[in-house]
């Protein structure tokens, strides 16, 4: 009986661990992977940004491209949809 309880507990922990995997994590991408429309919109809005790094992300069900960057000494992040439309901006603390 003790072995059965241990096996059930182990099985549940493996199952629950797998179901907690977060497939929504953002993935780093190179500038070459970012559509020109997104790069253009970003450059127009944040022309003085430095240290720009891109991620493939999602906002609700929409694929977005997230830029993490520094502007005026402040770390920021901004998201644009595939067509270059601005989605959101926030501090990157």
PDB file of N, CA and C in Angstrom:
ATOM      1  N   UNK A   1       0.817  -1.189   0.000  1.00  0.00           N
ATOM      2  CA  UNK A   1       0.000   0.000   0.000  1.00  0.00           C
ATOM      3  C   UNK A   1       0.863   1.255   0.000  1.00  0.00           C
ATOM      4  N   UNK A   2       1.955   1.209   0.776  1.00  0.00           N
ATOM      5  CA  UNK A   2       2.856   2.344   0.853  1.00  0.00           C
ATOM      6  C   UNK A   2       3.500   2.612  -0.516  1.00  0.00           C
ATOM      7  N   UNK A   3       3.880   1.531  -1.205  1.00  0.00           N
ATOM      8  CA  UNK A   3       4.484   1.667  -2.535  1.00  0.00           C
ATOM      9  C   UNK A   3       3.493   2.266  -3.522  1.00  0.00           C
ATOM     10  N   UNK A   4       2.243   1.863  -3.423  1.00  0.00           N
ATOM     11  CA  UNK A   4       1.205   2.375  -4.314  1.00  0.00           C
ATOM     12  C   UNK A   4       1.023   3.885  -4.122  1.00  0.00           C
ATOM     13  N   UNK A   5       1.018   4.327  -2.902  1.00  0.00           N
ATOM     14  CA  UNK A   5       0.864   5.757  -2.616  1.00  0.00           C
ATOM     15  C   UNK A   5       2.065   6.533  -3.159  1.00  0.00           C
ATOM     16  N   UNK A   6       3.253   5.989  -2.973  1.00  0.00           N
ATOM     17  CA  UNK A   6       4.457   6.642  -3.481  1.00  0.00           C
ATOM     18  C   UNK A   6       4.412   6.710  -5.007  1.00  0.00           C
ATOM     19  N   UNK A   7       4.017   5.630  -5.657  1.00  0.00           N
ATOM     20  CA  UNK A   7       3.934   5.607  -7.124  1.00  0.00           C
ATOM     21  C   UNK A   7       2.886   6.600  -7.635  1.00  0.00           C
ATOM     22  N   UNK A   8       1.753   6.661  -6.983  1.00  0.00           N
ATOM     23  CA  UNK A   8       0.719   7.619  -7.388  1.00  0.00           C
ATOM     24  C   UNK A   8       1.229   9.048  -7.199  1.00  0.00           C
ATOM     25  N   UNK A   9       1.870   9.297  -6.090  1.00  0.00           N
ATOM     26  CA  UNK A   9       2.427  10.630  -5.827  1.00  0.00           C
ATOM     27  C   UNK A   9       3.469  11.009  -6.858  1.00  0.00           C
ATOM     28  N   UNK A  10       4.335  10.071  -7.211  1.00  0.00           N
ATOM     29  CA  UNK A  10       5.356  10.322  -8.221  1.00  0.00           C
ATOM     30  C   UNK A  10       4.717  10.589  -9.581  1.00  0.00           C
ATOM     31  N   UNK A  11       3.744   9.766  -9.933  1.00  0.00           N
ATOM     32  CA  UNK A  11       3.056   9.941 -11.217  1.00  0.00           C
ATOM     33  C   UNK A  11       2.377  11.289 -11.322  1.00  0.00           C
ATOM     34  N   UNK A  12       1.712  11.698 -10.253  1.00  0.00           N
ATOM     35  CA  UNK A  12       1.057  13.011 -10.243  1.00  0.00           C
ATOM     36  C   UNK A  12       2.064  14.150 -10.353  1.00  0.00           C
ATOM     37  N   UNK A  13       3.184  14.023  -9.676  1.00  0.00           N
ATOM     38  CA  UNK A  13       4.176  15.099  -9.728  1.00  0.00           C
ATOM     39  C   UNK A  13       4.773  15.224 -11.133  1.00  0.00           C
ATOM     40  N   UNK A  14       4.998  14.119 -11.816  1.00  0.00           N
ATOM     41  CA  UNK A  14       5.502  14.161 -13.183  1.00  0.00           C
ATOM     42  C   UNK A  14       4.454  14.776 -14.102  1.00  0.00           C
ATOM     43  N   UNK A  15       3.207  14.342 -13.958  1.00  0.00           N
ATOM     44  CA  UNK A  15       2.126  14.869 -14.791  1.00  0.00           C
ATOM     45  C   UNK A  15       1.946  16.365 -14.568  1.00  0.00           C
ATOM     46  N   UNK A  16       1.892  16.791 -13.317  1.00  0.00           N
ATOM     47  CA  UNK A  16       1.690  18.205 -13.016  1.00  0.00           C
ATOM     48  C   UNK A  16       2.881  19.044 -13.442  1.00  0.00           C
ATOM     49  N   UNK A  17       4.065  18.503 -13.323  1.00  0.00           N
ATOM     50  CA  UNK A  17       5.255  19.220 -13.773  1.00  0.00           C
ATOM     51  C   UNK A  17       5.225  19.475 -15.265  1.00  0.00           C
ATOM     52  N   UNK A  18       4.789  18.493 -16.041  1.00  0.00           N
ATOM     53  CA  UNK A  18       4.697  18.652 -17.483  1.00  0.00           C
ATOM     54  C   UNK A  18       3.609  19.639 -17.862  1.00  0.00           C
ATOM     55  N   UNK A  19       2.499  19.632 -17.162  1.00  0.00           N
ATOM     56  CA  UNK A  19       1.396  20.529 -17.518  1.00  0.00           C
ATOM     57  C   UNK A  19       1.694  21.965 -17.144  1.00  0.00           C
ATOM     58  N   UNK A  20       2.714  22.195 -16.333  1.00  0.00           N
ATOM     59  CA  UNK A  20       3.069  23.556 -15.945  1.00  0.00           C
ATOM     60  C   UNK A  20       4.075  24.191 -16.885  1.00  0.00           C
ATOM     61  N   UNK A  21       4.530  23.472 -17.904  1.00  0.00           N
ATOM     62  CA  UNK A  21       5.454  24.057 -18.859  1.00  0.00           C
ATOM     63  C   UNK A  21       4.796  25.248 -19.527  1.00  0.00           C
ATOM     64  N   UNK A  22       5.534  26.336 -19.627  1.00  0.00           N
ATOM     65  CA  UNK A  22       4.997  27.573 -20.200  1.00  0.00           C
ATOM     66  C   UNK A  22       5.474  27.703 -21.632  1.00  0.00           C
ATOM     67  N   UNK A  23       4.587  27.422 -22.586  1.00  0.00           N
ATOM     68  CA  UNK A  23       4.937  27.527 -23.991  1.00  0.00           C
ATOM     69  C   UNK A  23       4.823  28.951 -24.497  1.00  0.00           C
ATOM     70  N   UNK A  24       4.488  29.892 -23.636  1.00  0.00           N
ATOM     71  CA  UNK A  24       4.333  31.271 -24.064  1.00  0.00           C
ATOM     72  C   UNK A  24       5.590  32.089 -23.822  1.00  0.00           C
ATOM     73  N   UNK A  25       6.678  31.432 -23.437  1.00  0.00           N
ATOM     74  CA  UNK A  25       7.893  32.182 -23.186  1.00  0.00           C
ATOM     75  C   UNK A  25       8.392  32.801 -24.480  1.00  0.00           C
ATOM     76  N   UNK A  26       8.897  34.008 -24.353  1.00  0.00           N
ATOM     77  CA  UNK A  26       9.408  34.711 -25.508  1.00  0.00           C
ATOM     78  C   UNK A  26      10.729  34.082 -25.938  1.00  0.00           C
ATOM     79  N   UNK A  27      10.962  34.089 -27.253  1.00  0.00           N
ATOM     80  CA  UNK A  27      12.172  33.483 -27.797  1.00  0.00           C
ATOM     81  C   UNK A  27      13.007  34.554 -28.469  1.00  0.00           C
ATOM     82  N   UNK A  28      14.294  34.578 -28.136  1.00  0.00           N
ATOM     83  CA  UNK A  28      15.191  35.541 -28.761  1.00  0.00           C
ATOM     84  C   UNK A  28      15.259  35.296 -30.258  1.00  0.00           C
ATOM     85  N   UNK A  29      15.269  36.384 -31.017  1.00  0.00           N
ATOM     86  CA  UNK A  29      15.427  36.305 -32.466  1.00  0.00           C
ATOM     87  C   UNK A  29      16.455  37.344 -32.892  1.00  0.00           C
ATOM     88  N   UNK A  30      17.021  37.147 -34.067  1.00  0.00           N
ATOM     89  CA  UNK A  30      17.972  38.120 -34.589  1.00  0.00           C
ATOM     90  C   UNK A  30      17.215  39.227 -35.312  1.00  0.00           C
ATOM     91  N   UNK A  31      17.875  40.314 -35.546  1.00  0.00           N
ATOM     92  CA  UNK A  31      17.265  41.428 -36.283  1.00  0.00           C
ATOM     93  C   UNK A  31      16.799  40.970 -37.652  1.00  0.00           C
ATOM     94  N   UNK A  32      17.518  40.037 -38.259  1.00  0.00           N
ATOM     95  CA  UNK A  32      17.132  39.519 -39.577  1.00  0.00           C
ATOM     96  C   UNK A  32      15.799  38.788 -39.546  1.00  0.00           C
ATOM     97  N   UNK A  33      15.390  38.288 -38.383  1.00  0.00           N
ATOM     98  CA  UNK A  33      14.128  37.561 -38.238  1.00  0.00           C
ATOM     99  C   UNK A  33      12.932  38.498 -38.017  1.00  0.00           C
ATOM    100  N   UNK A  34      13.217  39.769 -37.765  1.00  0.00           N
ATOM    101  CA  UNK A  34      12.158  40.742 -37.487  1.00  0.00           C
ATOM    102  C   UNK A  34      11.724  41.379 -38.809  1.00  0.00           C
ATOM    103  N   UNK A  35      10.422  41.373 -39.115  1.00  0.00           N
ATOM    104  CA  UNK A  35       9.956  41.965 -40.371  1.00  0.00           C
ATOM    105  C   UNK A  35      10.386  43.429 -40.520  1.00  0.00           C
ATOM    106  N   UNK A  36      10.629  43.834 -41.756  1.00  0.00           N
ATOM    107  CA  UNK A  36      11.059  45.208 -42.034  1.00  0.00           C
ATOM    108  C   UNK A  36      10.041  46.228 -41.525  1.00  0.00           C
ATOM    109  N   UNK A  37       8.751  45.891 -41.607  1.00  0.00           N
ATOM    110  CA  UNK A  37       7.713  46.814 -41.132  1.00  0.00           C
ATOM    111  C   UNK A  37       7.845  47.064 -39.631  1.00  0.00           C
ATOM    112  N   UNK A  38       8.233  46.043 -38.883  1.00  0.00           N
ATOM    113  CA  UNK A  38       8.411  46.170 -37.432  1.00  0.00           C
ATOM    114  C   UNK A  38       9.668  46.993 -37.144  1.00  0.00           C
ATOM    115  N   UNK A  39      10.737  46.693 -37.839  1.00  0.00           N
ATOM    116  CA  UNK A  39      11.981  47.439 -37.635  1.00  0.00           C
ATOM    117  C   UNK A  39      11.793  48.915 -37.959  1.00  0.00           C
ATOM    118  N   UNK A  40      11.070  49.193 -39.032  1.00  0.00           N
ATOM    119  CA  UNK A  40      10.824  50.574 -39.445  1.00  0.00           C
ATOM    120  C   UNK A  40       9.980  51.315 -38.405  1.00  0.00           C
ATOM    121  N   UNK A  41       8.921  50.678 -37.921  1.00  0.00           N
ATOM    122  CA  UNK A  41       8.056  51.294 -36.913  1.00  0.00           C
ATOM    123  C   UNK A  41       8.829  51.541 -35.616  1.00  0.00           C
ATOM    124  N   UNK A  42       9.655  50.590 -35.237  1.00  0.00           N
ATOM    125  CA  UNK A  42      10.460  50.744 -34.019  1.00  0.00           C
ATOM    126  C   UNK A  42      11.424  51.916 -34.169  1.00  0.00           C
ATOM    127  N   UNK A  43      12.131  51.973 -35.294  1.00  0.00           N
ATOM    128  CA  UNK A  43      13.108  53.051 -35.522  1.00  0.00           C
ATOM    129  C   UNK A  43      12.446  54.422 -35.540  1.00  0.00           C
ATOM    130  N   UNK A  44      11.239  54.497 -36.098  1.00  0.00           N
ATOM    131  CA  UNK A  44      10.525  55.771 -36.135  1.00  0.00           C
ATOM    132  C   UNK A  44      10.119  56.223 -34.735  1.00  0.00           C
ATOM    133  N   UNK A  45       9.703  55.291 -33.896  1.00  0.00           N
ATOM    134  CA  UNK A  45       9.216  55.632 -32.549  1.00  0.00           C
ATOM    135  C   UNK A  45      10.357  55.816 -31.555  1.00  0.00           C
ATOM    136  N   UNK A  46      11.422  55.040 -31.702  1.00  0.00           N
ATOM    137  CA  UNK A  46      12.526  55.048 -30.736  1.00  0.00           C
ATOM    138  C   UNK A  46      13.856  55.268 -31.465  1.00  0.00           C
ATOM    139  N   UNK A  47      14.000  56.386 -32.125  1.00  0.00           N
ATOM    140  CA  UNK A  47      15.173  56.631 -32.973  1.00  0.00           C
ATOM    141  C   UNK A  47      16.488  56.684 -32.198  1.00  0.00           C
ATOM    142  N   UNK A  48      16.442  56.981 -30.904  1.00  0.00           N
ATOM    143  CA  UNK A  48      17.679  57.071 -30.128  1.00  0.00           C
ATOM    144  C   UNK A  48      17.936  55.834 -29.263  1.00  0.00           C
ATOM    145  N   UNK A  49      17.187  54.779 -29.492  1.00  0.00           N
ATOM    146  CA  UNK A  49      17.346  53.555 -28.689  1.00  0.00           C
ATOM    147  C   UNK A  49      18.697  52.896 -28.956  1.00  0.00           C
ATOM    148  N   UNK A  50      19.254  52.308 -27.907  1.00  0.00           N
ATOM    149  CA  UNK A  50      20.511  51.557 -28.025  1.00  0.00           C
ATOM    150  C   UNK A  50      20.324  50.177 -27.406  1.00  0.00           C
ATOM    151  N   UNK A  51      21.289  49.307 -27.635  1.00  0.00           N
ATOM    152  CA  UNK A  51      21.284  47.950 -27.060  1.00  0.00           C
ATOM    153  C   UNK A  51      19.969  47.221 -27.344  1.00  0.00           C
ATOM    154  N   UNK A  52      19.505  47.278 -28.572  1.00  0.00           N
ATOM    155  CA  UNK A  52      18.220  46.683 -28.942  1.00  0.00           C
ATOM    156  C   UNK A  52      18.373  45.173 -29.103  1.00  0.00           C
ATOM    157  N   UNK A  53      17.507  44.438 -28.425  1.00  0.00           N
ATOM    158  CA  UNK A  53      17.440  42.978 -28.546  1.00  0.00           C
ATOM    159  C   UNK A  53      15.997  42.611 -28.849  1.00  0.00           C
ATOM    160  N   UNK A  54      15.803  41.658 -29.751  1.00  0.00           N
ATOM    161  CA  UNK A  54      14.453  41.287 -30.194  1.00  0.00           C
ATOM    162  C   UNK A  54      14.039  39.926 -29.670  1.00  0.00           C
ATOM    163  N   UNK A  55      12.745  39.786 -29.408  1.00  0.00           N
ATOM    164  CA  UNK A  55      12.150  38.507 -29.023  1.00  0.00           C
ATOM    165  C   UNK A  55      10.887  38.281 -29.836  1.00  0.00           C
ATOM    166  N   UNK A  56      10.639  37.026 -30.165  1.00  0.00           N
ATOM    167  CA  UNK A  56       9.372  36.619 -30.774  1.00  0.00           C
ATOM    168  C   UNK A  56       8.423  36.393 -29.604  1.00  0.00           C
ATOM    169  N   UNK A  57       7.307  37.105 -29.573  1.00  0.00           N
ATOM    170  CA  UNK A  57       6.422  37.064 -28.404  1.00  0.00           C
ATOM    171  C   UNK A  57       4.975  36.910 -28.838  1.00  0.00           C
ATOM    172  N   UNK A  58       4.063  36.987 -27.874  1.00  0.00           N
ATOM    173  CA  UNK A  58       2.621  36.943 -28.136  1.00  0.00           C
ATOM    174  C   UNK A  58       1.930  37.937 -27.228  1.00  0.00           C
ATOM    175  N   UNK A  59       0.918  38.566 -27.755  1.00  0.00           N
ATOM    176  CA  UNK A  59       0.031  39.424 -26.969  1.00  0.00           C
ATOM    177  C   UNK A  59      -1.360  38.887 -27.209  1.00  0.00           C
ATOM    178  N   UNK A  60      -1.932  38.262 -26.192  1.00  0.00           N
ATOM    179  CA  UNK A  60      -3.176  37.496 -26.343  1.00  0.00           C
ATOM    180  C   UNK A  60      -2.910  36.393 -27.366  1.00  0.00           C
ATOM    181  N   UNK A  61      -3.569  36.415 -28.505  1.00  0.00           N
ATOM    182  CA  UNK A  61      -3.345  35.377 -29.517  1.00  0.00           C
ATOM    183  C   UNK A  61      -2.569  35.913 -30.721  1.00  0.00           C
ATOM    184  N   UNK A  62      -2.124  37.158 -30.647  1.00  0.00           N
ATOM    185  CA  UNK A  62      -1.428  37.794 -31.761  1.00  0.00           C
ATOM    186  C   UNK A  62       0.078  37.643 -31.629  1.00  0.00           C
ATOM    187  N   UNK A  63       0.728  37.217 -32.703  1.00  0.00           N
ATOM    188  CA  UNK A  63       2.182  37.161 -32.695  1.00  0.00           C
ATOM    189  C   UNK A  63       2.719  38.580 -32.692  1.00  0.00           C
ATOM    190  N   UNK A  64       3.666  38.840 -31.813  1.00  0.00           N
ATOM    191  CA  UNK A  64       4.290  40.159 -31.750  1.00  0.00           C
ATOM    192  C   UNK A  64       5.800  40.004 -31.727  1.00  0.00           C
ATOM    193  N   UNK A  65       6.452  41.118 -31.937  1.00  0.00           N
ATOM    194  CA  UNK A  65       7.899  41.174 -31.799  1.00  0.00           C
ATOM    195  C   UNK A  65       8.198  42.187 -30.710  1.00  0.00           C
ATOM    196  N   UNK A  66       8.917  41.723 -29.682  1.00  0.00           N
ATOM    197  CA  UNK A  66       9.221  42.564 -28.528  1.00  0.00           C
ATOM    198  C   UNK A  66      10.666  43.038 -28.640  1.00  0.00           C
ATOM    199  N   UNK A  67      10.830  44.345 -28.525  1.00  0.00           N
ATOM    200  CA  UNK A  67      12.171  44.933 -28.501  1.00  0.00           C
ATOM    201  C   UNK A  67      12.497  45.310 -27.068  1.00  0.00           C
ATOM    202  N   UNK A  68      13.654  44.878 -26.604  1.00  0.00           N
ATOM    203  CA  UNK A  68      14.158  45.321 -25.308  1.00  0.00           C
ATOM    204  C   UNK A  68      15.325  46.248 -25.632  1.00  0.00           C
ATOM    205  N   UNK A  69      15.325  47.434 -25.014  1.00  0.00           N
ATOM    206  CA  UNK A  69      16.300  48.437 -25.406  1.00  0.00           C
ATOM    207  C   UNK A  69      16.522  49.441 -24.285  1.00  0.00           C
ATOM    208  N   UNK A  70      17.493  50.325 -24.496  1.00  0.00           N
ATOM    209  CA  UNK A  70      17.779  51.406 -23.557  1.00  0.00           C
ATOM    210  C   UNK A  70      17.541  52.717 -24.299  1.00  0.00           C
ATOM    211  N   UNK A  71      16.814  53.622 -23.653  1.00  0.00           N
ATOM    212  CA  UNK A  71      16.585  54.948 -24.220  1.00  0.00           C
ATOM    213  C   UNK A  71      16.671  55.961 -23.084  1.00  0.00           C
ATOM    214  N   UNK A  72      17.494  56.965 -23.279  1.00  0.00           N
ATOM    215  CA  UNK A  72      17.728  57.988 -22.241  1.00  0.00           C
ATOM    216  C   UNK A  72      18.147  57.356 -20.920  1.00  0.00           C
ATOM    217  N   UNK A  73      18.959  56.310 -20.988  1.00  0.00           N
ATOM    218  CA  UNK A  73      19.457  55.639 -19.793  1.00  0.00           C
ATOM    219  C   UNK A  73      18.457  54.737 -19.096  1.00  0.00           C
ATOM    220  N   UNK A  74      17.292  54.559 -19.681  1.00  0.00           N
ATOM    221  CA  UNK A  74      16.232  53.767 -19.052  1.00  0.00           C
ATOM    222  C   UNK A  74      15.980  52.496 -19.869  1.00  0.00           C
ATOM    223  N   UNK A  75      15.902  51.346 -19.179  1.00  0.00           N
ATOM    224  CA  UNK A  75      15.590  50.080 -19.849  1.00  0.00           C
ATOM    225  C   UNK A  75      14.098  50.016 -20.141  1.00  0.00           C
ATOM    226  N   UNK A  76      13.764  49.724 -21.385  1.00  0.00           N
ATOM    227  CA  UNK A  76      12.366  49.685 -21.825  1.00  0.00           C
ATOM    228  C   UNK A  76      12.128  48.446 -22.660  1.00  0.00           C
ATOM    229  N   UNK A  77      10.858  48.154 -22.897  1.00  0.00           N
ATOM    230  CA  UNK A  77      10.486  47.136 -23.878  1.00  0.00           C
ATOM    231  C   UNK A  77       9.215  47.605 -24.570  1.00  0.00           C
ATOM    232  N   UNK A  78       9.133  47.280 -25.850  1.00  0.00           N
ATOM    233  CA  UNK A  78       7.984  47.666 -26.655  1.00  0.00           C
ATOM    234  C   UNK A  78       7.641  46.512 -27.578  1.00  0.00           C
ATOM    235  N   UNK A  79       6.349  46.345 -27.868  1.00  0.00           N
ATOM    236  CA  UNK A  79       5.894  45.278 -28.755  1.00  0.00           C
ATOM    237  C   UNK A  79       5.173  45.852 -29.960  1.00  0.00           C
ATOM    238  N   UNK A  80       5.404  45.192 -31.091  1.00  0.00           N
ATOM    239  CA  UNK A  80       4.771  45.553 -32.352  1.00  0.00           C
ATOM    240  C   UNK A  80       4.215  44.280 -32.973  1.00  0.00           C
ATOM    241  N   UNK A  81       3.078  44.397 -33.651  1.00  0.00           N
ATOM    242  CA  UNK A  81       2.577  43.215 -34.357  1.00  0.00           C
ATOM    243  C   UNK A  81       3.349  43.044 -35.657  1.00  0.00           C
ATOM    244  N   UNK A  82       3.070  41.988 -36.369  1.00  0.00           N
ATOM    245  CA  UNK A  82       3.795  41.617 -37.577  1.00  0.00           C
ATOM    246  C   UNK A  82       3.768  42.713 -38.651  1.00  0.00           C
ATOM    247  N   UNK A  83       2.717  43.534 -38.630  1.00  0.00           N
ATOM    248  CA  UNK A  83       2.571  44.604 -39.626  1.00  0.00           C
ATOM    249  C   UNK A  83       3.236  45.904 -39.198  1.00  0.00           C
ATOM    250  N   UNK A  84       3.829  45.918 -38.021  1.00  0.00           N
ATOM    251  CA  UNK A  84       4.504  47.119 -37.541  1.00  0.00           C
ATOM    252  C   UNK A  84       3.615  48.022 -36.705  1.00  0.00           C
ATOM    253  N   UNK A  85       2.424  47.559 -36.380  1.00  0.00           N
ATOM    254  CA  UNK A  85       1.537  48.346 -35.522  1.00  0.00           C
ATOM    255  C   UNK A  85       2.004  48.252 -34.073  1.00  0.00           C
ATOM    256  N   UNK A  86       2.070  49.399 -33.416  1.00  0.00           N
ATOM    257  CA  UNK A  86       2.485  49.454 -32.021  1.00  0.00           C
ATOM    258  C   UNK A  86       1.451  48.759 -31.143  1.00  0.00           C
ATOM    259  N   UNK A  87       1.901  47.885 -30.237  1.00  0.00           N
ATOM    260  CA  UNK A  87       1.000  47.152 -29.339  1.00  0.00           C
ATOM    261  C   UNK A  87       1.076  47.708 -27.922  1.00  0.00           C
ATOM    262  N   UNK A  88       2.292  47.777 -27.369  1.00  0.00           N
ATOM    263  CA  UNK A  88       2.430  48.298 -26.006  1.00  0.00           C
ATOM    264  C   UNK A  88       3.877  48.607 -25.696  1.00  0.00           C
ATOM    265  N   UNK A  89       4.057  49.340 -24.593  1.00  0.00           N
ATOM    266  CA  UNK A  89       5.386  49.736 -24.115  1.00  0.00           C
ATOM    267  C   UNK A  89       5.361  49.653 -22.604  1.00  0.00           C
ATOM    268  N   UNK A  90       6.497  49.267 -22.022  1.00  0.00           N
ATOM    269  CA  UNK A  90       6.597  49.256 -20.559  1.00  0.00           C
ATOM    270  C   UNK A  90       8.054  49.310 -20.129  1.00  0.00           C
ATOM    271  N   UNK A  91       8.254  49.662 -18.867  1.00  0.00           N
ATOM    272  CA  UNK A  91       9.604  49.637 -18.299  1.00  0.00           C
ATOM    273  C   UNK A  91      10.088  48.203 -18.256  1.00  0.00           C
ATOM    274  N   UNK A  92      11.378  48.010 -18.419  1.00  0.00           N
ATOM    275  CA  UNK A  92      11.967  46.679 -18.325  1.00  0.00           C
ATOM    276  C   UNK A  92      12.872  46.637 -17.106  1.00  0.00           C
ATOM    277  N   UNK A  93      12.257  46.573 -15.946  1.00  0.00           N
ATOM    278  CA  UNK A  93      13.008  46.579 -14.685  1.00  0.00           C
ATOM    279  C   UNK A  93      13.617  45.256 -14.393  1.00  0.00           C
TER     280      UNK A  93
END
